[in-house]
């Protein structure tokens, strides 16, 4: 039997997966999943047509291709 932390991690992972599986299996659904999973870290700047990365202070240009 696993530790309490392993059990808790499994519960959280299962809940996260169930939440993601609720999105439609479409391009729009994929965009929603991306926003759900990475929306606090990445944003797309439609004006400049470039991805931005939150660096803790401001939305910086993604120079690394991380997004």
Protein backbone atom coordinates (compact mmCIF):
# COMPACT_ATOMS: atom_id res chain seq x y z
CA UNK A 1 0.00 0.00 0.00
CA UNK A 2 1.29 3.48 -0.89
CA UNK A 3 1.93 6.38 1.39
CA UNK A 4 -0.63 9.05 2.12
CA UNK A 5 1.14 11.45 -0.26
CA UNK A 6 1.08 8.85 -3.07
CA UNK A 7 -2.63 8.23 -2.50
CA UNK A 8 -3.38 11.94 -2.49
CA UNK A 9 -1.35 12.43 -5.67
CA UNK A 10 -3.29 9.63 -7.39
CA UNK A 11 -6.61 11.22 -6.39
CA UNK A 12 -5.53 14.63 -7.68
CA UNK A 13 -4.25 13.14 -10.96
CA UNK A 14 -7.49 11.22 -11.48
CA UNK A 15 -9.59 14.35 -10.85
CA UNK A 16 -7.41 16.36 -13.24
CA UNK A 17 -7.75 13.71 -15.95
CA UNK A 18 -11.53 13.57 -15.53
CA UNK A 19 -11.70 17.36 -15.85
CA UNK A 20 -9.63 17.32 -19.05
CA UNK A 21 -11.65 14.47 -20.57
CA UNK A 22 -14.79 16.58 -20.20
CA UNK A 23 -13.59 18.92 -22.97
CA UNK A 24 -14.77 18.18 -26.53
CA UNK A 25 -12.39 16.21 -28.75
CA UNK A 26 -12.12 19.04 -31.29
CA UNK A 27 -9.64 21.78 -32.16
CA UNK A 28 -11.62 24.16 -29.95
CA UNK A 29 -11.61 21.58 -27.16
CA UNK A 30 -7.84 21.20 -27.52
CA UNK A 31 -7.50 24.98 -27.20
CA UNK A 32 -9.59 24.87 -24.03
CA UNK A 33 -7.42 22.08 -22.61
CA UNK A 34 -4.28 24.08 -23.42
CA UNK A 35 -5.73 27.14 -21.69
CA UNK A 36 -6.75 25.04 -18.67
CA UNK A 37 -3.33 23.41 -18.37
CA UNK A 38 -1.04 26.29 -19.38
CA UNK A 39 -3.14 29.48 -19.32
CA UNK A 40 -1.35 30.93 -16.31
CA UNK A 41 2.02 30.49 -18.03
CA UNK A 42 1.43 31.07 -21.76
CA UNK A 43 -0.67 33.54 -23.75
CA UNK A 44 -0.94 34.25 -27.46
CA UNK A 45 -0.62 37.90 -28.50
CA UNK A 46 -2.88 38.14 -31.55
CA UNK A 47 -1.69 41.66 -32.37
CA UNK A 48 1.96 40.61 -32.65
CA UNK A 49 1.14 37.01 -33.62
CA UNK A 50 3.59 35.71 -31.03
CA UNK A 51 3.44 33.64 -27.87
CA UNK A 52 4.09 35.28 -24.50
CA UNK A 53 5.44 33.65 -21.35
CA UNK A 54 4.71 34.86 -17.82
CA UNK A 55 8.09 35.46 -16.17
CA UNK A 56 6.71 36.31 -12.75
CA UNK A 57 6.55 40.04 -13.43
CA UNK A 58 5.19 40.54 -16.96
CA UNK A 59 4.27 38.77 -20.18
CA UNK A 60 7.58 38.42 -22.04
CA UNK A 61 8.10 37.33 -25.63
CA UNK A 62 8.76 33.60 -25.92
CA UNK A 63 12.28 33.68 -27.31
CA UNK A 64 12.98 30.02 -26.49
CA UNK A 65 10.07 28.44 -28.33
CA UNK A 66 8.93 26.98 -25.01
CA UNK A 67 5.29 27.51 -25.89
